[in-house]
Amino acid sequence: MKSKQQAAALWNAIQPLVVRTITPDFAEELTEKPVKTAIFRSFVMPGATPQEIIVLGEFLDQGEYAEIILQEVYC
């Protein structure tokens, strides 16, 4: 099931990964990108644990809703 609520819940679940991997420089770069999902995935996936990869994949599988969440966070 895809929804903004589901994407937000998954976003909250990957917060330890985000906090651990998103540097201020990368956050600034992400803010400047009009489409954030692909660059976000390519940056955080290498540092993810196997469990985090599963949740990250579920987050990214939310498609447009994942993009909306990233747009809201990195506006």
N, C-alpha and C. Protein backbone atom coordinates (compact mmCIF):
# COMPACT_ATOMS: atom_id res chain seq x y z
N MET A 1 0.84 -1.17 0.00
CA MET A 1 0.00 0.00 0.00
C MET A 1 0.89 1.25 0.00
N LYS A 2 0.59 2.16 -0.88
CA LYS A 2 1.38 3.38 -0.97
C LYS A 2 0.54 4.55 -0.51
N SER A 3 1.15 5.35 0.37
CA SER A 3 0.48 6.55 0.84
C SER A 3 1.54 7.46 1.46
N LYS A 4 1.16 8.71 1.60
CA LYS A 4 2.08 9.65 2.24
C LYS A 4 2.28 9.28 3.70
N GLN A 5 1.23 8.80 4.34
CA GLN A 5 1.33 8.38 5.74
C GLN A 5 2.30 7.21 5.88
N GLN A 6 2.21 6.24 4.99
CA GLN A 6 3.12 5.09 5.02
C GLN A 6 4.55 5.56 4.75
N ALA A 7 4.73 6.44 3.78
CA ALA A 7 6.07 6.97 3.48
C ALA A 7 6.64 7.70 4.69
N ALA A 8 5.81 8.47 5.37
CA ALA A 8 6.27 9.20 6.56
C ALA A 8 6.67 8.25 7.67
N ALA A 9 5.91 7.18 7.86
CA ALA A 9 6.25 6.19 8.89
C ALA A 9 7.58 5.51 8.56
N LEU A 10 7.78 5.19 7.30
CA LEU A 10 9.05 4.57 6.89
C LEU A 10 10.20 5.56 7.00
N TRP A 11 9.94 6.83 6.70
CA TRP A 11 10.96 7.88 6.87
C TRP A 11 11.41 7.92 8.33
N ASN A 12 10.45 7.89 9.23
CA ASN A 12 10.78 7.89 10.66
C ASN A 12 11.60 6.67 11.03
N ALA A 13 11.32 5.54 10.41
CA ALA A 13 12.04 4.30 10.71
C ALA A 13 13.49 4.34 10.23
N ILE A 14 13.78 5.12 9.20
CA ILE A 14 15.17 5.19 8.70
C ILE A 14 15.94 6.38 9.26
N GLN A 15 15.39 7.07 10.21
CA GLN A 15 16.07 8.23 10.78
C GLN A 15 17.47 7.93 11.32
N PRO A 16 17.70 6.80 12.01
CA PRO A 16 19.08 6.53 12.44
C PRO A 16 20.06 6.47 11.27
N LEU A 17 19.64 5.88 10.15
CA LEU A 17 20.48 5.84 8.95
C LEU A 17 20.71 7.24 8.40
N VAL A 18 19.67 8.03 8.33
CA VAL A 18 19.77 9.39 7.80
C VAL A 18 20.70 10.23 8.67
N VAL A 19 20.51 10.16 9.97
CA VAL A 19 21.34 10.94 10.89
C VAL A 19 22.80 10.52 10.78
N ARG A 20 23.02 9.24 10.61
CA ARG A 20 24.38 8.72 10.53
C ARG A 20 25.07 9.05 9.21
N THR A 21 24.33 9.21 8.13
CA THR A 21 24.96 9.34 6.82
C THR A 21 24.83 10.71 6.15
N ILE A 22 23.81 11.47 6.48
CA ILE A 22 23.60 12.76 5.80
C ILE A 22 24.43 13.84 6.49
N THR A 23 25.44 14.30 5.79
CA THR A 23 26.28 15.38 6.29
C THR A 23 25.64 16.72 5.94
N PRO A 24 26.04 17.78 6.62
CA PRO A 24 25.49 19.10 6.24
C PRO A 24 25.74 19.46 4.77
N ASP A 25 26.91 19.09 4.25
CA ASP A 25 27.20 19.37 2.84
C ASP A 25 26.26 18.61 1.91
N PHE A 26 26.01 17.33 2.24
CA PHE A 26 25.10 16.56 1.41
C PHE A 26 23.67 17.06 1.54
N ALA A 27 23.27 17.45 2.73
CA ALA A 27 21.92 17.99 2.93
C ALA A 27 21.73 19.24 2.08
N GLU A 28 22.75 20.07 2.02
CA GLU A 28 22.67 21.29 1.19
C GLU A 28 22.57 20.93 -0.29
N GLU A 29 23.38 19.95 -0.71
CA GLU A 29 23.33 19.50 -2.11
C GLU A 29 21.96 18.91 -2.44
N LEU A 30 21.43 18.13 -1.52
CA LEU A 30 20.12 17.52 -1.73
C LEU A 30 19.03 18.58 -1.82
N THR A 31 19.17 19.64 -1.05
CA THR A 31 18.22 20.74 -1.08
C THR A 31 18.18 21.39 -2.46
N GLU A 32 19.33 21.44 -3.12
CA GLU A 32 19.42 22.10 -4.42
C GLU A 32 18.88 21.26 -5.57
N LYS A 33 18.74 19.96 -5.38
CA LYS A 33 18.28 19.06 -6.46
C LYS A 33 16.77 19.10 -6.57
N PRO A 34 16.24 19.22 -7.79
CA PRO A 34 14.78 19.25 -7.95
C PRO A 34 14.14 17.89 -7.70
N VAL A 35 14.81 16.81 -8.06
CA VAL A 35 14.33 15.45 -7.81
C VAL A 35 15.33 14.80 -6.87
N LYS A 36 14.86 14.38 -5.72
CA LYS A 36 15.75 13.99 -4.65
C LYS A 36 15.90 12.48 -4.43
N THR A 37 14.94 11.69 -4.87
CA THR A 37 14.91 10.28 -4.53
C THR A 37 16.17 9.53 -4.99
N ALA A 38 16.56 9.68 -6.23
CA ALA A 38 17.69 8.92 -6.77
C ALA A 38 19.00 9.28 -6.06
N ILE A 39 19.26 10.56 -5.88
CA ILE A 39 20.51 10.96 -5.23
C ILE A 39 20.50 10.56 -3.76
N PHE A 40 19.34 10.65 -3.12
CA PHE A 40 19.22 10.22 -1.73
C PHE A 40 19.55 8.74 -1.61
N ARG A 41 18.96 7.93 -2.48
CA ARG A 41 19.21 6.49 -2.47
C ARG A 41 20.69 6.19 -2.67
N SER A 42 21.30 6.81 -3.66
CA SER A 42 22.70 6.52 -3.96
C SER A 42 23.64 6.92 -2.84
N PHE A 43 23.25 7.90 -2.05
CA PHE A 43 24.11 8.35 -0.97
C PHE A 43 23.94 7.52 0.29
N VAL A 44 22.72 7.19 0.67
CA VAL A 44 22.52 6.50 1.95
C VAL A 44 22.62 4.99 1.87
N MET A 45 22.38 4.40 0.72
CA MET A 45 22.39 2.94 0.63
C MET A 45 23.72 2.30 0.99
N PRO A 46 24.87 2.84 0.56
CA PRO A 46 26.14 2.18 0.88
C PRO A 46 26.41 2.07 2.39
N GLY A 47 25.89 2.96 3.19
CA GLY A 47 26.14 2.92 4.63
C GLY A 47 25.08 2.21 5.44
N ALA A 48 24.11 1.63 4.75
CA ALA A 48 22.98 1.00 5.45
C ALA A 48 23.28 -0.43 5.85
N THR A 49 22.74 -0.81 6.99
CA THR A 49 22.81 -2.20 7.43
C THR A 49 21.79 -3.00 6.61
N PRO A 50 21.88 -4.33 6.64
CA PRO A 50 20.88 -5.12 5.90
C PRO A 50 19.44 -4.80 6.31
N GLN A 51 19.18 -4.64 7.57
CA GLN A 51 17.83 -4.30 8.02
C GLN A 51 17.42 -2.91 7.53
N GLU A 52 18.34 -1.96 7.56
CA GLU A 52 18.04 -0.61 7.08
C GLU A 52 17.79 -0.60 5.58
N ILE A 53 18.49 -1.45 4.84
CA ILE A 53 18.27 -1.52 3.39
C ILE A 53 16.84 -1.96 3.09
N ILE A 54 16.33 -2.88 3.88
CA ILE A 54 14.95 -3.33 3.68
C ILE A 54 13.98 -2.18 3.90
N VAL A 55 14.14 -1.45 5.00
CA VAL A 55 13.24 -0.33 5.29
C VAL A 55 13.44 0.80 4.28
N LEU A 56 14.69 1.07 3.92
CA LEU A 56 14.98 2.08 2.90
C LEU A 56 14.31 1.71 1.58
N GLY A 57 14.39 0.45 1.21
CA GLY A 57 13.74 -0.01 -0.01
C GLY A 57 12.23 0.18 0.05
N GLU A 58 11.65 -0.11 1.19
CA GLU A 58 10.20 0.09 1.36
C GLU A 58 9.86 1.58 1.26
N PHE A 59 10.71 2.43 1.85
CA PHE A 59 10.49 3.88 1.76
C PHE A 59 10.54 4.32 0.30
N LEU A 60 11.59 3.92 -0.40
CA LEU A 60 11.75 4.34 -1.79
C LEU A 60 10.67 3.75 -2.69
N ASP A 61 10.15 2.59 -2.31
CA ASP A 61 9.07 1.96 -3.08
C ASP A 61 7.78 2.77 -3.00
N GLN A 62 7.71 3.71 -2.09
CA GLN A 62 6.53 4.56 -1.99
C GLN A 62 6.46 5.56 -3.15
N GLY A 63 7.52 5.59 -3.96
CA GLY A 63 7.53 6.39 -5.19
C GLY A 63 7.30 7.87 -4.97
N GLU A 64 6.21 8.38 -5.53
CA GLU A 64 5.94 9.81 -5.46
C GLU A 64 5.79 10.28 -4.02
N TYR A 65 5.31 9.42 -3.13
CA TYR A 65 5.15 9.83 -1.74
C TYR A 65 6.50 9.95 -1.04
N ALA A 66 7.44 9.08 -1.39
CA ALA A 66 8.80 9.21 -0.86
C ALA A 66 9.42 10.52 -1.34
N GLU A 67 9.19 10.84 -2.59
CA GLU A 67 9.71 12.09 -3.14
C GLU A 67 9.08 13.29 -2.43
N ILE A 68 7.80 13.22 -2.15
CA ILE A 68 7.13 14.31 -1.43
C ILE A 68 7.75 14.50 -0.05
N ILE A 69 7.99 13.41 0.66
CA ILE A 69 8.62 13.49 1.99
C ILE A 69 9.99 14.14 1.87
N LEU A 70 10.80 13.68 0.92
CA LEU A 70 12.13 14.25 0.74
C LEU A 70 12.05 15.73 0.36
N GLN A 71 11.07 16.09 -0.46
CA GLN A 71 10.89 17.49 -0.85
C GLN A 71 10.57 18.34 0.38
N GLU A 72 9.76 17.79 1.28
CA GLU A 72 9.39 18.53 2.49
C GLU A 72 10.56 18.67 3.44
N VAL A 73 11.35 17.62 3.56
CA VAL A 73 12.48 17.65 4.50
C VAL A 73 13.62 18.50 3.95
N TYR A 74 13.91 18.34 2.66
CA TYR A 74 15.04 19.05 2.05
C TYR A 74 14.53 20.08 1.04
N CYS A 75 13.79 21.06 1.54
CA CYS A 75 13.24 22.11 0.66
C CYS A 75 14.17 23.29 0.56
